[in-house]
Amino acid sequence: MLETILGRVLDGYRGMVQALAGRLTLAAAVWLAVGLASSVFVVWAFAEVTEGVIEGESRRFDRAVLLWIGANSPGWLDGPMRFFTALGYYRVVLPLLAVTTLGFYIANWRLSAVVLLVSTAGGAVLTMVLKAVFRRARPELFDSGYTASFYSFPSGHATVAVGFYGALALMLAYHLRGGLRWAVVVLGAAVVLLIGFSRLYLGVHYPTDVLAGFLAAPLWLVSVGTVYVLWISIRGFRTAEWRRKGR
């Protein structure tokens, strides 16, 4: 059922892209093709991970990875991992989101502000809904002295890591130049990965929870992008039709 719905969404998205292709420049068409390919991959990957969890196919992998991390991680990682986990809580992210969005708006980076807000807030809501739908219990394979509430799949921390810190890094990199741009990208990627790993280190998420969380934020943006492209195409077609009738 999930794959059928996702397939219909992708078919509609492809149709809109084809309808718009004749009206785009070569550069825009290339970027649109790259965006479509990325969107297809994100939807496919999320569907595959979700199916593996539902069917129980990922259980052995999840347990093996988590037990290995619990048995082989050095004790000195405890402090840093708790720090990076703290970065994924909404009580930390929401104030940072408010300040960053306001800063982008003042700097006249309004599109970046909107994308960051939609990415973070929408991804968080989507994750909460998916948690309530799948109701996967949290792992109890080892005791790290850390507890977490609510359901496990997908990881809200991983979604926030990509939806806020990852998107923030990309927004900043877009406006920066030279070596500083790549430094921001590397730092953003490191923060995203460390937040995700911290959930595994603390034993409160399975690897597939984190992977699905990493995919949930771009999945949300794909959905928003699809609606936006649909709206733009409908508005463009209506404008063209009105102009034709007005002649």
Protein backbone atom coordinates (compact mmCIF):
# COMPACT_ATOMS: atom_id res chain seq x y z
CA MET A 1 0.00 0.00 0.00
CA LEU A 2 2.80 2.41 0.92
CA GLU A 3 4.68 1.68 -2.30
CA THR A 4 1.44 2.18 -4.33
CA ILE A 5 0.86 5.62 -2.81
CA LEU A 6 4.48 6.64 -3.27
CA GLY A 7 4.36 5.38 -6.85
CA ARG A 8 1.34 7.54 -7.62
CA VAL A 9 3.03 10.59 -6.12
CA LEU A 10 6.13 10.01 -8.23
CA ASP A 11 4.05 9.48 -11.39
CA GLY A 12 2.29 12.78 -10.81
CA TYR A 13 5.58 14.51 -10.12
CA ARG A 14 7.11 13.14 -13.33
CA GLY A 15 4.10 14.35 -15.29
CA MET A 16 4.46 17.86 -13.92
CA VAL A 17 8.18 17.87 -14.69
CA GLN A 18 7.50 16.79 -18.27
CA ALA A 19 4.87 19.49 -18.68
CA LEU A 20 7.29 22.14 -17.45
CA ALA A 21 10.35 20.87 -19.30
CA GLY A 22 9.47 22.61 -22.56
CA ARG A 23 9.37 25.97 -20.80
CA LEU A 24 12.75 25.73 -19.07
CA THR A 25 16.26 26.67 -20.05
CA LEU A 26 18.85 23.91 -20.39
CA ALA A 27 20.47 24.74 -17.04
CA ALA A 28 17.11 24.78 -15.26
CA ALA A 29 16.14 21.50 -16.93
CA VAL A 30 19.38 19.87 -15.72
CA TRP A 31 18.80 21.04 -12.15
CA LEU A 32 15.20 19.85 -12.33
CA ALA A 33 16.34 16.43 -13.56
CA VAL A 34 18.85 16.20 -10.70
CA GLY A 35 16.15 17.19 -8.25
CA LEU A 36 13.76 14.59 -9.63
CA ALA A 37 16.41 11.85 -9.44
CA SER A 38 17.20 12.82 -5.83
CA SER A 39 13.50 12.85 -4.98
CA VAL A 40 12.98 9.39 -6.47
CA PHE A 41 15.94 8.05 -4.50
CA VAL A 42 14.70 9.54 -1.21
CA VAL A 43 11.20 8.13 -1.65
CA TRP A 44 12.54 4.72 -2.69
CA ALA A 45 15.05 4.56 0.17
CA PHE A 46 12.48 5.54 2.79
CA ALA A 47 10.02 2.97 1.44
CA GLU A 48 12.69 0.24 1.51
CA VAL A 49 13.74 1.01 5.09
CA THR A 50 10.12 1.17 6.25
CA GLU A 51 9.25 -2.12 4.56
CA GLY A 52 12.27 -3.80 6.15
CA VAL A 53 11.17 -2.63 9.60
CA ILE A 54 7.53 -3.64 9.11
CA GLU A 55 8.44 -7.09 7.77
CA GLY A 56 11.07 -7.63 10.47
CA GLU A 57 13.82 -8.08 7.88
CA SER A 58 16.04 -5.48 9.57
CA ARG A 59 15.82 -6.98 13.07
CA ARG A 60 19.03 -9.00 12.90
CA PHE A 61 21.00 -6.12 11.40
CA ASP A 62 19.64 -3.64 13.94
CA ARG A 63 20.49 -5.83 16.90
CA ALA A 64 23.95 -6.74 15.65
CA VAL A 65 25.00 -3.14 14.99
CA LEU A 66 23.60 -1.82 18.25
CA LEU A 67 25.18 -4.57 20.33
CA TRP A 68 28.53 -4.03 18.64
CA ILE A 69 28.40 -0.29 19.37
CA GLY A 70 27.43 -0.96 22.99
CA ALA A 71 30.28 -3.45 23.46
CA ASN A 72 33.04 -1.55 21.67
CA SER A 73 32.47 2.15 22.35
CA PRO A 74 35.02 3.70 24.77
CA GLY A 75 33.73 5.31 27.92
CA TRP A 76 35.20 8.74 27.12
CA LEU A 77 32.57 9.11 24.35
CA ASP A 78 29.77 9.39 26.90
CA GLY A 79 30.11 13.13 27.45
CA PRO A 80 30.45 14.13 23.77
CA MET A 81 27.57 11.84 22.75
CA ARG A 82 25.26 13.32 25.36
CA PHE A 83 26.24 16.78 24.11
CA PHE A 84 25.36 15.96 20.51
CA THR A 85 22.14 14.26 21.58
CA ALA A 86 21.20 17.45 23.45
CA LEU A 87 21.59 19.39 20.17
CA GLY A 88 18.72 17.35 18.73
CA TYR A 89 16.13 18.25 21.37
CA TYR A 90 13.41 20.72 20.39
CA ARG A 91 14.16 22.88 23.44
CA VAL A 92 17.56 23.57 21.83
CA VAL A 93 16.54 23.56 18.17
CA LEU A 94 13.48 25.82 18.39
CA PRO A 95 15.31 28.84 19.89
CA LEU A 96 18.11 28.36 17.35
CA LEU A 97 15.53 28.12 14.56
CA ALA A 98 13.83 31.34 15.68
CA VAL A 99 17.10 33.27 15.87
CA THR A 100 18.41 31.91 12.57
CA THR A 101 15.16 32.53 10.70
CA LEU A 102 15.05 36.10 11.99
CA GLY A 103 18.68 36.61 11.00
CA PHE A 104 18.04 35.28 7.49
CA TYR A 105 15.02 37.56 7.17
CA ILE A 106 16.98 40.64 8.27
CA ALA A 107 19.78 39.72 5.83
CA ASN A 108 17.12 39.56 3.10
CA TRP A 109 17.68 35.81 2.69
CA ARG A 110 13.94 35.28 2.86
CA LEU A 111 13.75 32.16 0.71
CA SER A 112 16.44 30.54 2.87
CA ALA A 113 14.47 31.49 5.98
CA VAL A 114 11.30 29.91 4.61
CA VAL A 115 13.05 26.72 3.49
CA LEU A 116 14.76 26.32 6.87
CA LEU A 117 11.49 26.88 8.74
CA VAL A 118 9.53 24.48 6.54
CA SER A 119 12.30 21.86 6.65
CA THR A 120 12.61 21.88 10.43
CA ALA A 121 8.97 22.27 11.50
CA GLY A 122 7.50 20.05 8.81
CA GLY A 123 10.05 17.30 9.32
CA ALA A 124 9.39 17.31 13.06
CA VAL A 125 5.63 17.02 12.57
CA LEU A 126 6.04 14.27 9.98
CA THR A 127 8.27 12.31 12.35
CA MET A 128 5.78 12.56 15.21
CA VAL A 129 3.01 11.30 12.94
CA LEU A 130 5.13 8.40 11.68
CA LYS A 131 6.10 7.44 15.23
CA ALA A 132 2.43 7.28 16.21
CA VAL A 133 1.64 5.19 13.12
CA PHE A 134 4.42 2.58 13.40
CA ARG A 135 4.68 2.48 17.23
CA ARG A 136 8.02 0.74 17.27
CA ALA A 137 9.29 0.12 20.79
CA ARG A 138 12.69 1.47 21.70
CA PRO A 139 15.59 -0.97 21.95
CA GLU A 140 16.55 -2.38 25.35
CA LEU A 141 19.75 -4.20 24.42
CA PHE A 142 22.08 -2.49 26.88
CA ASP A 143 21.86 0.10 29.64
CA SER A 144 23.72 3.34 28.94
CA GLY A 145 22.15 5.17 31.86
CA TYR A 146 20.13 7.26 29.39
CA THR A 147 16.39 6.98 28.82
CA ALA A 148 14.11 8.27 26.07
CA SER A 149 10.34 8.42 25.75
CA PHE A 150 7.79 7.87 22.98
CA TYR A 151 8.28 5.53 20.04
CA SER A 152 11.47 4.69 18.19
CA PHE A 153 10.79 4.78 14.43
CA PRO A 154 11.87 7.07 12.86
CA SER A 155 14.39 8.95 14.97
CA GLY A 156 13.23 12.50 15.67
CA HIS A 157 16.80 13.50 16.49
CA ALA A 158 17.99 12.30 13.09
CA THR A 159 15.19 14.18 11.34
CA VAL A 160 16.00 17.37 13.21
CA ALA A 161 19.69 16.88 12.47
CA VAL A 162 19.03 16.89 8.73
CA GLY A 163 16.02 19.22 8.73
CA PHE A 164 17.67 21.96 10.77
CA TYR A 165 21.46 21.57 11.01
CA GLY A 166 21.85 20.03 7.57
CA ALA A 167 19.53 22.53 5.90
CA LEU A 168 21.18 25.40 7.79
CA ALA A 169 24.60 24.31 6.54
CA LEU A 170 23.33 24.18 2.96
CA MET A 171 21.64 27.58 3.24
CA LEU A 172 24.82 29.17 4.60
CA ALA A 173 26.99 27.42 2.01
CA TYR A 174 24.76 28.77 -0.74
CA HIS A 175 25.42 32.35 0.39
CA LEU A 176 29.11 31.90 1.19
CA ARG A 177 32.10 31.62 -1.13
CA GLY A 178 35.48 29.90 -1.22
CA GLY A 179 36.86 27.66 1.47
CA LEU A 180 34.41 28.90 4.07
CA ARG A 181 31.56 27.39 2.07
CA TRP A 182 33.10 23.92 2.19
CA ALA A 183 34.03 24.29 5.85
CA VAL A 184 30.37 24.95 6.66
CA VAL A 185 29.26 21.93 4.61
CA VAL A 186 31.76 19.63 6.35
CA LEU A 187 30.80 20.96 9.78
CA GLY A 188 27.09 20.53 9.03
CA ALA A 189 27.60 16.97 7.82
CA ALA A 190 29.65 16.14 10.91
CA VAL A 191 26.98 17.49 13.27
CA VAL A 192 24.26 15.52 11.45
CA LEU A 193 26.19 12.26 11.60
CA LEU A 194 27.25 12.73 15.22
CA ILE A 195 23.70 13.44 16.36
CA GLY A 196 22.56 10.28 14.60
CA PHE A 197 25.39 8.19 16.05
CA SER A 198 24.74 9.54 19.54
CA ARG A 199 21.33 7.89 19.51
CA LEU A 200 22.93 4.55 18.70
CA TYR A 201 25.69 5.02 21.28
CA LEU A 202 23.08 5.72 23.96
CA GLY A 203 21.09 2.66 22.89
CA VAL A 204 17.78 4.47 22.39
CA HIS A 205 17.42 3.90 18.65
CA TYR A 206 18.04 1.17 16.13
CA PRO A 207 20.19 1.95 13.06
CA THR A 208 17.11 1.81 10.82
CA ASP A 209 15.40 4.38 13.08
CA VAL A 210 18.27 6.79 12.48
CA LEU A 211 18.44 6.06 8.76
CA ALA A 212 14.71 6.64 8.36
CA GLY A 213 15.05 9.84 10.37
CA PHE A 214 17.79 11.05 8.05
CA LEU A 215 15.43 10.41 5.12
CA ALA A 216 12.29 11.88 6.72
CA ALA A 217 13.38 15.53 6.40
CA PRO A 218 14.21 15.33 2.66
CA LEU A 219 11.04 13.23 2.18
CA TRP A 220 9.06 16.10 3.67
CA LEU A 221 10.83 18.60 1.40
CA VAL A 222 10.11 16.37 -1.61
CA SER A 223 6.43 16.44 -0.70
CA VAL A 224 6.44 20.21 -0.24
CA GLY A 225 8.38 20.64 -3.47
CA THR A 226 5.86 18.51 -5.34
CA VAL A 227 2.98 20.67 -4.10
CA TYR A 228 4.93 23.82 -4.97
CA VAL A 229 5.72 22.62 -8.50
CA LEU A 230 2.06 21.68 -8.94
CA TRP A 231 0.95 25.11 -7.79
CA ILE A 232 3.44 26.88 -10.05
CA SER A 233 2.46 24.78 -13.07
CA ILE A 234 -1.28 25.29 -12.52
CA ARG A 235 -0.79 29.02 -12.06
CA GLY A 236 1.37 29.19 -15.20
CA PHE A 237 -1.12 27.23 -17.28
CA ARG A 238 -4.03 29.35 -16.04
CA THR A 239 -2.15 32.55 -16.83
CA ALA A 240 -1.38 31.30 -20.34
CA GLU A 241 -5.01 30.30 -20.85
CA TRP A 242 -6.29 33.68 -19.69
CA ARG A 243 -3.90 35.43 -22.04
CA ARG A 244 -5.01 33.23 -24.95
CA LYS A 245 -8.68 33.92 -24.29
CA GLY A 246 -8.00 37.63 -23.90
CA ARG A 247 -6.66 37.93 -27.43
